[in-house]
Amino acid sequence: MKFGINTGVHTPELIFDKLVWTVEDVAKELKCSVRLVQKLVSRDKIPYAKVGRLVRFSRARIQDWLKQGGSQC
């Protein structure tokens, strides 16, 4: 969540605002569990990148992957 500009009220952060997604962001987009996304990563079934020890996803690559028949869970 992030604060509104002048209101001080929390507004939900849209995952589409991000160019780089986390495992949690991808799970929300695919409407599946974080564990399933982690399994897809471990089996190299989804495009991802490692940033140090962290797994990150390109929004554009995930959208292309889905268009080419990637699993929507």
C-alpha atoms as a PDB file:
ATOM      1  CA  MET A   1       0.000   0.000   0.000  1.00  0.00           C
ATOM      2  CA  LYS A   2       1.051   3.546  -0.515  1.00  0.00           C
ATOM      3  CA  PHE A   3      -0.210   6.855   0.755  1.00  0.00           C
ATOM      4  CA  GLY A   4      -2.400   9.092  -1.380  1.00  0.00           C
ATOM      5  CA  ILE A   5      -0.594  12.256  -2.466  1.00  0.00           C
ATOM      6  CA  ASN A   6      -2.161  14.753  -0.081  1.00  0.00           C
ATOM      7  CA  THR A   7      -4.742  12.741   1.807  1.00  0.00           C
ATOM      8  CA  GLY A   8      -2.594  10.589   4.069  1.00  0.00           C
ATOM      9  CA  VAL A   9      -5.034   7.763   3.309  1.00  0.00           C
ATOM     10  CA  HIS A  10      -3.771   4.344   2.204  1.00  0.00           C
ATOM     11  CA  THR A  11      -4.624   3.402  -1.370  1.00  0.00           C
ATOM     12  CA  PRO A  12      -4.058  -0.085  -2.762  1.00  0.00           C
ATOM     13  CA  GLU A  13      -0.982  -0.281  -4.952  1.00  0.00           C
ATOM     14  CA  LEU A  14      -1.801  -1.666  -8.371  1.00  0.00           C
ATOM     15  CA  ILE A  15       0.587  -4.313  -9.601  1.00  0.00           C
ATOM     16  CA  PHE A  16       0.334  -2.834 -13.080  1.00  0.00           C
ATOM     17  CA  ASP A  17       2.124   0.275 -11.767  1.00  0.00           C
ATOM     18  CA  LYS A  18       5.269  -1.841 -11.397  1.00  0.00           C
ATOM     19  CA  LEU A  19       7.627  -2.904 -14.176  1.00  0.00           C
ATOM     20  CA  VAL A  20       9.224  -5.562 -11.992  1.00  0.00           C
ATOM     21  CA  TRP A  21       6.998  -7.977 -10.105  1.00  0.00           C
ATOM     22  CA  THR A  22       7.566 -10.125  -7.032  1.00  0.00           C
ATOM     23  CA  VAL A  23       6.322 -13.686  -6.572  1.00  0.00           C
ATOM     24  CA  GLU A  24       3.322 -12.256  -4.715  1.00  0.00           C
ATOM     25  CA  ASP A  25       2.515  -9.884  -7.601  1.00  0.00           C
ATOM     26  CA  VAL A  26       2.593 -12.731 -10.127  1.00  0.00           C
ATOM     27  CA  ALA A  27       0.385 -14.872  -7.880  1.00  0.00           C
ATOM     28  CA  LYS A  28      -2.175 -12.041  -7.753  1.00  0.00           C
ATOM     29  CA  GLU A  29      -2.066 -11.601 -11.528  1.00  0.00           C
ATOM     30  CA  LEU A  30      -2.449 -15.342 -12.167  1.00  0.00           C
ATOM     31  CA  LYS A  31      -5.019 -15.711  -9.363  1.00  0.00           C
ATOM     32  CA  CYS A  32      -3.107 -18.566  -7.784  1.00  0.00           C
ATOM     33  CA  SER A  33      -0.992 -19.251  -4.719  1.00  0.00           C
ATOM     34  CA  VAL A  34       2.515 -17.995  -4.077  1.00  0.00           C
ATOM     35  CA  ARG A  35       3.569 -21.637  -3.642  1.00  0.00           C
ATOM     36  CA  LEU A  36       2.411 -22.494  -7.176  1.00  0.00           C
ATOM     37  CA  VAL A  37       4.402 -19.584  -8.624  1.00  0.00           C
ATOM     38  CA  GLN A  38       7.439 -20.814  -6.685  1.00  0.00           C
ATOM     39  CA  LYS A  39       6.951 -24.303  -8.166  1.00  0.00           C
ATOM     40  CA  LEU A  40       6.734 -22.833 -11.685  1.00  0.00           C
ATOM     41  CA  VAL A  41      10.026 -21.021 -11.036  1.00  0.00           C
ATOM     42  CA  SER A  42      11.752 -24.125  -9.662  1.00  0.00           C
ATOM     43  CA  ARG A  43      10.698 -26.077 -12.762  1.00  0.00           C
ATOM     44  CA  ASP A  44      11.639 -23.234 -15.173  1.00  0.00           C
ATOM     45  CA  LYS A  45       8.035 -23.078 -16.427  1.00  0.00           C
ATOM     46  CA  ILE A  46       7.717 -19.289 -16.086  1.00  0.00           C
ATOM     47  CA  PRO A  47      10.067 -16.482 -17.184  1.00  0.00           C
ATOM     48  CA  TYR A  48      11.930 -15.009 -14.213  1.00  0.00           C
ATOM     49  CA  ALA A  49      15.229 -13.427 -13.217  1.00  0.00           C
ATOM     50  CA  LYS A  50      17.328 -13.757 -10.091  1.00  0.00           C
ATOM     51  CA  VAL A  51      18.451 -10.551  -8.412  1.00  0.00           C
ATOM     52  CA  GLY A  52      20.896 -11.843  -5.875  1.00  0.00           C
ATOM     53  CA  ARG A  53      18.828 -14.371  -3.944  1.00  0.00           C
ATOM     54  CA  LEU A  54      15.513 -12.776  -4.939  1.00  0.00           C
ATOM     55  CA  VAL A  55      13.246 -13.932  -7.759  1.00  0.00           C
ATOM     56  CA  ARG A  56      11.786 -11.144  -9.883  1.00  0.00           C
ATOM     57  CA  PHE A  57       9.564 -11.071 -12.948  1.00  0.00           C
ATOM     58  CA  SER A  58       9.246  -8.658 -15.854  1.00  0.00           C
ATOM     59  CA  ARG A  59       5.653  -7.553 -16.272  1.00  0.00           C
ATOM     60  CA  ALA A  60       6.039  -7.534 -20.071  1.00  0.00           C
ATOM     61  CA  ARG A  61       7.582 -11.019 -20.162  1.00  0.00           C
ATOM     62  CA  ILE A  62       4.813 -12.463 -17.970  1.00  0.00           C
ATOM     63  CA  GLN A  63       2.147 -10.900 -20.192  1.00  0.00           C
ATOM     64  CA  ASP A  64       3.872 -12.288 -23.325  1.00  0.00           C
ATOM     65  CA  TRP A  65       4.170 -15.690 -21.647  1.00  0.00           C
ATOM     66  CA  LEU A  66       0.439 -15.694 -20.927  1.00  0.00           C
ATOM     67  CA  LYS A  67      -0.376 -14.711 -24.524  1.00  0.00           C
ATOM     68  CA  GLN A  68       1.746 -17.624 -25.762  1.00  0.00           C
ATOM     69  CA  GLY A  69      -0.213 -20.113 -23.670  1.00  0.00           C
ATOM     70  CA  GLY A  70       1.423 -19.851 -20.248  1.00  0.00           C
ATOM     71  CA  SER A  71      -0.589 -21.295 -17.372  1.00  0.00           C
ATOM     72  CA  GLN A  72      -3.232 -19.015 -15.878  1.00  0.00           C
ATOM     73  CA  CYS A  73      -3.423 -21.425 -12.879  1.00  0.00           C
END
